[in-house]
Protein backbone atom coordinates (compact mmCIF):
# COMPACT_ATOMS: atom_id res chain seq x y z
CA UNK A 1 -23.78 22.96 -45.96
CA UNK A 2 -21.81 24.32 -48.92
CA UNK A 3 -21.63 27.71 -47.25
CA UNK A 4 -20.24 26.13 -44.06
CA UNK A 5 -17.57 24.27 -46.05
CA UNK A 6 -16.62 27.48 -47.81
CA UNK A 7 -16.17 29.26 -44.47
CA UNK A 8 -13.82 26.49 -43.24
CA UNK A 9 -11.86 26.49 -46.50
CA UNK A 10 -11.26 30.24 -46.31
CA UNK A 11 -10.61 30.25 -42.58
CA UNK A 12 -7.17 31.49 -41.61
CA UNK A 13 -6.00 29.98 -38.28
CA UNK A 14 -3.41 32.75 -37.93
CA UNK A 15 -5.96 35.52 -38.11
CA UNK A 16 -7.08 34.90 -34.51
CA UNK A 17 -5.39 34.10 -31.18
CA UNK A 18 -7.81 31.34 -30.20
CA UNK A 19 -5.83 28.42 -31.70
CA UNK A 20 -2.70 29.67 -29.92
CA UNK A 21 -4.55 30.06 -26.63
CA UNK A 22 -6.01 26.57 -26.97
CA UNK A 23 -2.59 25.09 -27.75
CA UNK A 24 -1.04 26.83 -24.72
CA UNK A 25 -3.82 25.60 -22.43
CA UNK A 26 -3.42 22.02 -23.67
CA UNK A 27 0.33 22.30 -23.16
CA UNK A 28 -0.13 23.59 -19.60
CA UNK A 29 -2.56 20.78 -18.77
CA UNK A 30 -0.20 18.12 -20.14
CA UNK A 31 2.75 19.63 -18.24
CA UNK A 32 0.86 19.81 -14.94
CA UNK A 33 -0.44 16.28 -15.39
CA UNK A 34 3.05 14.96 -16.13
CA UNK A 35 4.53 16.66 -13.07
CA UNK A 36 1.74 15.55 -10.73
CA UNK A 37 1.92 11.93 -11.92
CA UNK A 38 5.30 11.60 -10.20
CA UNK A 39 8.35 9.56 -11.04
CA UNK A 40 8.08 6.06 -12.44
CA UNK A 41 9.98 3.15 -10.92
CA UNK A 42 13.43 3.59 -12.51
CA UNK A 43 14.15 -0.13 -12.97
CA UNK A 44 12.60 -3.27 -14.44
CA UNK A 45 14.42 -5.77 -12.21
CA UNK A 46 12.98 -9.26 -12.02
CA UNK A 47 12.15 -10.91 -8.68
CA UNK A 48 11.84 -14.49 -9.90
CA UNK A 49 10.20 -16.83 -7.37
CA UNK A 50 10.32 -14.27 -4.57
CA UNK A 51 7.36 -14.62 -2.21
CA UNK A 52 5.57 -11.28 -1.83
CA UNK A 53 2.72 -10.45 0.55
CA UNK A 54 0.63 -7.39 -0.33
CA UNK A 55 -2.06 -6.33 2.12
CA UNK A 56 -5.07 -4.55 0.63
CA UNK A 57 -4.26 -6.03 -2.77
CA UNK A 58 -7.78 -6.44 -4.09
CA UNK A 59 -8.04 -2.87 -5.42
CA UNK A 60 -6.37 0.50 -5.77
CA UNK A 61 -2.67 0.90 -5.07
CA UNK A 62 -2.29 -2.59 -3.63
CA UNK A 63 -3.73 -4.13 -6.79
CA UNK A 64 -1.26 -2.21 -8.96
CA UNK A 65 1.67 -3.17 -6.71
CA UNK A 66 0.67 -6.82 -6.87
CA UNK A 67 0.23 -6.77 -10.65
CA UNK A 68 3.60 -5.10 -11.24
CA UNK A 69 5.45 -7.52 -8.94
CA UNK A 70 3.70 -10.54 -10.44
CA UNK A 71 4.78 -9.35 -13.90
CA UNK A 72 8.36 -9.35 -12.61
CA UNK A 73 8.14 -12.99 -11.58
CA UNK A 74 7.10 -12.73 -7.94
CA UNK A 75 4.80 -15.20 -6.21
CA UNK A 76 2.08 -12.90 -4.91
CA UNK A 77 -0.23 -13.38 -1.94
CA UNK A 78 -3.05 -10.84 -1.75
CA UNK A 79 -4.13 -10.26 1.85
CA UNK A 80 -7.73 -9.02 1.65
CA UNK A 81 -10.58 -8.38 4.05
CA UNK A 82 -13.08 -9.48 1.40
CA UNK A 83 -11.79 -12.84 0.16
CA UNK A 84 -14.18 -12.96 -2.82
CA UNK A 85 -12.88 -9.61 -4.08
CA UNK A 86 -9.32 -10.79 -3.49
CA UNK A 87 -9.85 -13.92 -5.55
CA UNK A 88 -11.44 -11.87 -8.31
CA UNK A 89 -8.47 -9.48 -8.27
CA UNK A 90 -6.05 -12.43 -8.46
CA UNK A 91 -7.82 -13.84 -11.50
CA UNK A 92 -7.85 -10.40 -13.18
CA UNK A 93 -4.11 -9.96 -12.62
CA UNK A 94 -3.33 -13.39 -14.05
CA UNK A 95 -5.63 -12.83 -17.02
CA UNK A 96 -4.18 -9.39 -17.83
CA UNK A 97 -0.60 -10.59 -17.53
CA UNK A 98 -1.41 -13.72 -19.50
CA UNK A 99 -2.70 -11.62 -22.39
CA UNK A 100 0.69 -9.88 -22.59
CA UNK A 101 2.69 -13.11 -22.47
CA UNK A 102 3.98 -14.50 -25.79
CA UNK A 103 2.87 -18.07 -26.49
CA UNK A 104 3.94 -20.85 -28.81
CA UNK A 105 2.31 -23.99 -30.14
CA UNK A 106 4.46 -26.10 -27.80
CA UNK A 107 3.06 -24.48 -24.64
CA UNK A 108 1.01 -26.88 -22.54
CA UNK A 109 0.12 -24.36 -19.84
CA UNK A 110 -2.09 -21.33 -20.42
CA UNK A 111 -0.26 -17.98 -20.11
CA UNK A 112 -2.37 -16.93 -17.13
CA UNK A 113 -1.38 -20.02 -15.15
CA UNK A 114 2.29 -19.10 -15.40
CA UNK A 115 1.71 -16.41 -12.77
CA UNK A 116 1.30 -17.23 -9.09
CA UNK A 117 -1.25 -14.85 -7.59
CA UNK A 118 -3.47 -16.07 -4.76
CA UNK A 119 -5.73 -14.41 -2.19
CA UNK A 120 -5.90 -15.01 1.55
CA UNK A 121 -8.25 -13.55 4.13
CA UNK A 122 -6.92 -10.85 6.46
CA UNK A 123 -8.99 -8.41 8.51
CA UNK A 124 -6.73 -5.88 10.19
CA UNK A 125 -9.62 -4.84 12.46
CA UNK A 126 -9.09 -8.16 14.24
CA UNK A 127 -5.76 -9.10 15.80
CA UNK A 128 -6.99 -12.69 15.86
CA UNK A 129 -7.39 -12.55 12.09
CA UNK A 130 -3.81 -11.24 11.82
CA UNK A 131 -2.59 -14.25 13.82
CA UNK A 132 -4.57 -16.68 11.68
CA UNK A 133 -3.26 -15.13 8.47
CA UNK A 134 0.36 -15.20 9.66
CA UNK A 135 0.01 -18.81 10.81
CA UNK A 136 -1.47 -19.81 7.45
CA UNK A 137 1.38 -18.18 5.52
CA UNK A 138 4.06 -19.71 7.69
CA UNK A 139 2.55 -23.15 7.24
CA UNK A 140 2.29 -22.80 3.46
CA UNK A 141 5.51 -21.05 2.50
CA UNK A 142 9.11 -21.73 3.43
CA UNK A 143 10.01 -18.03 3.64
CA UNK A 144 8.77 -14.53 2.83
CA UNK A 145 10.89 -12.18 0.76
CA UNK A 146 8.80 -9.00 0.64
CA UNK A 147 6.02 -7.73 2.90
CA UNK A 148 4.10 -4.70 1.64
CA UNK A 149 1.88 -3.26 4.39
CA UNK A 150 -0.38 -1.31 2.06
CA UNK A 151 -3.91 -1.80 3.46
CA UNK A 152 -5.42 1.14 5.29
CA UNK A 153 -8.51 3.17 6.03
CA UNK A 154 -9.51 6.82 6.21
CA UNK A 155 -12.71 8.62 7.20
CA UNK A 156 -13.70 5.76 9.48
CA UNK A 157 -15.95 6.18 12.50
CA UNK A 158 -13.73 7.33 15.37
CA UNK A 159 -16.61 7.10 17.85
CA UNK A 160 -16.36 3.32 17.90
CA UNK A 161 -13.51 0.95 18.63
CA UNK A 162 -12.39 -2.30 17.05
CA UNK A 163 -13.18 -5.64 18.77
CA UNK A 164 -9.70 -5.38 20.30
CA UNK A 165 -10.52 -1.99 21.84
CA UNK A 166 -8.50 0.36 19.64
CA UNK A 167 -9.40 3.37 17.53
CA UNK A 168 -10.07 1.95 14.00
CA UNK A 169 -7.50 4.05 12.09
CA UNK A 170 -4.82 3.26 14.65
CA UNK A 171 -5.39 -0.49 14.44
CA UNK A 172 -5.94 -0.87 10.68
CA UNK A 173 -3.21 1.53 9.58
CA UNK A 174 -0.63 0.89 12.27
CA UNK A 175 -1.17 -1.74 14.99
CA UNK A 176 -2.42 -4.48 12.66
CA UNK A 177 0.46 -4.11 10.15
CA UNK A 178 2.95 -3.80 13.03
CA UNK A 179 1.71 -7.06 14.55
CA UNK A 180 1.72 -8.81 11.18
CA UNK A 181 5.32 -7.71 10.63
CA UNK A 182 6.38 -9.00 14.05
CA UNK A 183 4.70 -12.35 13.46
CA UNK A 184 6.31 -12.81 10.04
CA UNK A 185 9.83 -11.76 11.06
CA UNK A 186 11.06 -15.37 11.46
CA UNK A 187 10.07 -16.12 7.86
CA UNK A 188 11.48 -12.82 6.60
CA UNK A 189 14.81 -13.71 8.22
CA UNK A 190 14.90 -16.86 6.08
CA UNK A 191 14.99 -14.74 2.94
CA UNK A 192 18.30 -13.85 1.35
CA UNK A 193 17.27 -10.20 1.58
CA UNK A 194 13.93 -9.60 3.27
CA UNK A 195 12.17 -6.32 2.64
CA UNK A 196 9.45 -4.73 4.75
CA UNK A 197 7.56 -1.83 3.20
CA UNK A 198 5.04 0.32 5.04
CA UNK A 199 2.78 2.72 3.15
CA UNK A 200 2.37 6.08 4.88
CA UNK A 201 0.83 9.31 3.53
CA UNK A 202 1.45 13.02 3.09
CA UNK A 203 -1.15 13.52 5.83
CA UNK A 204 1.43 12.62 8.48
CA UNK A 205 2.70 16.20 8.14
CA UNK A 206 -0.40 17.43 10.00
CA UNK A 207 -0.31 14.79 12.73
CA UNK A 208 -0.14 15.58 16.42
CA UNK A 209 1.23 12.97 18.81
CA UNK A 210 1.57 12.97 22.60
CA UNK A 211 4.98 11.77 23.82
CA UNK A 212 3.45 10.29 26.99
CA UNK A 213 0.72 8.46 25.06
CA UNK A 214 1.83 8.12 21.42
CA UNK A 215 -0.82 5.49 20.66
CA UNK A 216 -3.56 7.72 22.06
CA UNK A 217 -4.97 4.85 24.11
CA UNK A 218 -5.21 6.68 27.44
CA UNK A 219 -8.66 7.13 28.95
CA UNK A 220 -8.07 10.89 29.06
CA UNK A 221 -7.11 11.13 25.37
CA UNK A 222 -8.94 13.61 23.19
CA UNK A 223 -11.16 11.93 20.61
CA UNK A 224 -9.77 12.37 17.12
CA UNK A 225 -11.59 13.62 14.08
CA UNK A 226 -11.26 11.07 11.27
CA UNK A 227 -8.68 13.26 9.46
CA UNK A 228 -6.60 13.62 12.64
CA UNK A 229 -6.83 9.91 13.38
CA UNK A 230 -5.63 9.06 9.87
CA UNK A 231 -2.73 11.52 10.12
CA UNK A 232 -1.79 10.18 13.57
CA UNK A 233 -1.70 6.58 12.31
CA UNK A 234 0.47 7.47 9.31
CA UNK A 235 2.96 9.35 11.48
CA UNK A 236 3.08 6.30 13.75
CA UNK A 237 3.94 4.19 10.68
CA UNK A 238 6.96 6.40 9.89
CA UNK A 239 8.21 6.44 13.47
CA UNK A 240 7.85 2.66 13.82
CA UNK A 241 9.66 2.16 10.51
CA UNK A 242 12.64 4.13 11.74
CA UNK A 243 12.94 2.31 15.06
CA UNK A 244 12.22 -1.16 13.67
CA UNK A 245 15.05 -0.60 11.19
CA UNK A 246 17.37 0.00 14.17
CA UNK A 247 16.14 -3.18 15.83
CA UNK A 248 16.88 -5.19 12.68
CA UNK A 249 20.18 -3.52 11.74
CA UNK A 250 22.19 -6.74 12.17
CA UNK A 251 19.86 -8.80 9.98
CA UNK A 252 19.43 -9.04 6.19
CA UNK A 253 16.03 -7.35 6.51
CA UNK A 254 15.44 -3.75 5.45
CA UNK A 255 12.50 -1.66 6.62
CA UNK A 256 11.34 1.42 4.71
CA UNK A 257 8.14 3.38 4.24
CA UNK A 258 6.79 5.48 1.41
CA UNK A 259 3.98 7.81 0.52
CA UNK A 260 2.04 7.16 -2.68
CA UNK A 261 1.17 10.85 -2.91
CA UNK A 262 -2.33 12.16 -3.57
CA UNK A 263 -4.10 9.32 -5.34
CA UNK A 264 -7.53 9.19 -6.92
CA UNK A 265 -9.52 6.14 -7.95
CA UNK A 266 -9.10 4.22 -4.69
CA UNK A 267 -11.69 3.36 -2.07
CA UNK A 268 -10.21 5.72 0.51
CA UNK A 269 -12.62 8.51 -0.41
CA UNK A 270 -15.78 6.41 -0.37
CA UNK A 271 -16.57 7.53 3.21
CA UNK A 272 -15.57 11.16 2.68
CA UNK A 273 -18.37 13.65 3.41
CA UNK A 274 -17.41 15.58 0.26
CA UNK A 275 -17.81 12.57 -2.00
CA UNK A 276 -21.37 11.91 -0.81
CA UNK A 277 -22.79 14.75 -2.94
CA UNK A 278 -23.08 14.21 -6.70
CA UNK A 279 -22.64 17.92 -7.48
CA UNK A 280 -19.36 17.98 -5.52
CA UNK A 281 -18.14 14.91 -7.42
CA UNK A 282 -18.89 16.57 -10.76
CA UNK A 283 -17.01 19.72 -9.73
CA UNK A 284 -14.00 18.04 -8.14
CA UNK A 285 -13.34 15.13 -10.53
CA UNK A 286 -11.67 17.24 -13.29
CA UNK A 287 -9.36 18.79 -10.70
CA UNK A 288 -8.67 15.38 -9.12
CA UNK A 289 -7.72 14.06 -12.56
CA UNK A 290 -5.36 16.99 -13.10
CA UNK A 291 -3.66 17.21 -9.70
CA UNK A 292 -3.82 13.66 -8.30
CA UNK A 293 -2.11 10.43 -9.32
CA UNK A 294 -3.95 7.35 -10.47
CA UNK A 295 -3.42 4.08 -8.58
CA UNK A 296 -0.71 2.84 -10.94
CA UNK A 297 1.30 6.03 -10.50
CA UNK A 298 0.84 5.89 -6.74
CA UNK A 299 2.23 2.34 -6.66
CA UNK A 300 5.58 3.18 -8.26
CA UNK A 301 7.47 4.03 -5.06
CA UNK A 302 6.52 0.78 -3.33
CA UNK A 303 7.44 -1.16 -6.48
CA UNK A 304 10.92 0.32 -6.42
CA UNK A 305 11.36 -0.46 -2.73
CA UNK A 306 10.39 -4.07 -3.41
CA UNK A 307 12.65 -4.63 -6.42
CA UNK A 308 15.64 -2.28 -6.64
CA UNK A 309 18.97 -3.96 -5.71
CA UNK A 310 20.48 -0.51 -5.17
CA UNK A 311 18.33 -0.25 -2.03
CA UNK A 312 19.71 -3.46 -0.53
CA UNK A 313 21.49 -1.57 2.25
CA UNK A 314 18.98 1.27 2.60
CA UNK A 315 16.79 0.98 5.69
CA UNK A 316 14.78 3.19 8.02
CA UNK A 317 14.02 5.76 5.32
CA UNK A 318 10.94 7.61 4.10
CA UNK A 319 10.43 7.71 0.32
CA UNK A 320 8.41 9.97 -1.94
CA UNK A 321 8.32 9.73 -5.75
CA UNK A 322 10.84 6.86 -5.67
CA UNK A 323 13.46 8.91 -3.82
CA UNK A 324 14.44 9.37 -0.17
CA UNK A 325 12.58 12.38 1.18
CA UNK A 326 12.33 14.37 4.40
CA UNK A 327 9.37 13.55 6.61
CA UNK A 328 7.87 15.97 9.12
CA UNK A 329 9.99 17.03 12.07
CA UNK A 330 8.02 14.71 14.35
CA UNK A 331 8.67 11.86 11.94
CA UNK A 332 12.42 12.27 12.52
CA UNK A 333 12.25 12.34 16.33
CA UNK A 334 14.29 9.32 17.52
CA UNK A 335 13.13 9.56 21.12
CA UNK A 336 9.50 9.70 20.04
CA UNK A 337 10.07 6.74 17.70
CA UNK A 338 11.56 4.70 20.56
CA UNK A 339 8.72 5.68 22.92
CA UNK A 340 6.09 4.69 20.34
CA UNK A 341 7.81 1.40 19.54
CA UNK A 342 8.08 0.43 23.21
CA UNK A 343 4.47 1.35 23.97
CA UNK A 344 3.31 -0.56 20.89
CA UNK A 345 5.18 -3.69 21.99
CA UNK A 346 3.82 -3.40 25.54
CA UNK A 347 0.28 -2.80 24.33
CA UNK A 348 0.28 -5.73 21.89
CA UNK A 349 1.85 -8.06 24.45
CA UNK A 350 -0.96 -7.14 26.81
CA UNK A 351 -3.76 -8.04 24.38
CA UNK A 352 -2.18 -10.76 22.21
CA UNK A 353 1.01 -12.71 21.48
CA UNK A 354 3.86 -11.50 19.31
CA UNK A 355 4.72 -14.96 18.02
CA UNK A 356 2.74 -17.38 15.90
CA UNK A 357 1.38 -20.41 17.71
CA UNK A 358 3.29 -23.41 16.33
CA UNK A 359 0.36 -25.73 17.08
CA UNK A 360 -1.92 -23.45 15.06
CA UNK A 361 0.57 -23.57 12.17
CA UNK A 362 0.66 -27.38 12.33
CA UNK A 363 -3.12 -27.55 12.38
CA UNK A 364 -3.39 -25.14 9.43
CA UNK A 365 -0.94 -27.30 7.48
CA UNK A 366 -2.92 -30.45 8.20
CA UNK A 367 -6.20 -28.81 7.17
CA UNK A 368 -4.60 -27.55 3.95
CA UNK A 369 -3.26 -31.03 3.11
CA UNK A 370 -6.61 -32.64 3.86
CA UNK A 371 -8.51 -30.13 1.72
CA UNK A 372 -6.08 -30.80 -1.12
CA UNK A 373 -6.77 -34.53 -1.16
């Protein structure tokens, strides 16, 4: 032991290049990690008492969006397929924010209860569930200020269809959010400045879309691989965002979409063939940590779109790293956007209604009042 201590005492760090090499490597890693983490939301604006709906808010990016907006004073509704997980996420958000909140001896309410975060059931695989969710919200709340269409899926089974007859990626990532947006438009119009935010993805760059059948619902359509189906749905999101913004240009509502970037730590990769092998996970995780964002970093762009007053007049744009960015060439095609929007409206009108049933809203209100007694 004494000999080892003597060696360390006499060691000269400048007599070898290894400390320098190690320092350079650490510096490179920190630099790469900082660049890949993206830009943070450049403001800390409060949204006191604004009613915010976040789909897919029980985990991942949606959870981080909801937590950040709740911290800024928003009244958050988590729209989740698994209601139990949504309620657990709501309690976690309130508990975490409550721990950061200063308290005094005169406070009669616990810090966690100062934040309004609640969960509601929404299954985007079912258009009926979308109607029920929209009806419930419109019966409970007098308006909606921000709608964040964040929920999505990837690596689903493209060989099956949803109960409504659509390819799963197309319905969950595009048709379901589109219908929800249409149903909630009357309540969004009641807001002083309604904001609709769609979450797209970098994958839209690789998407292929047929002008004559942009929804890929024709009987002759080529079956998509899961990657292609995901890319197709995210391109559809961008195109619909651009045309919906034109449709709402004379209203106080803005419509924008954003990409969170490459994000790790979400449930999107749970069905990936690569992630099914433990050895692949061990090999890829260090590189995923280095080159991919975490969920909090991926949420920053949507947070800015929901809160920044400088974006009050900005609509129909695609954002990346909190700034307006150029989408793929197809994502800027106005004629394709119009064709997709029209086919989407026609398709949804054929299988469901684009307005909330007022009787259903009244019934939901009565049931809520009776359950509260």
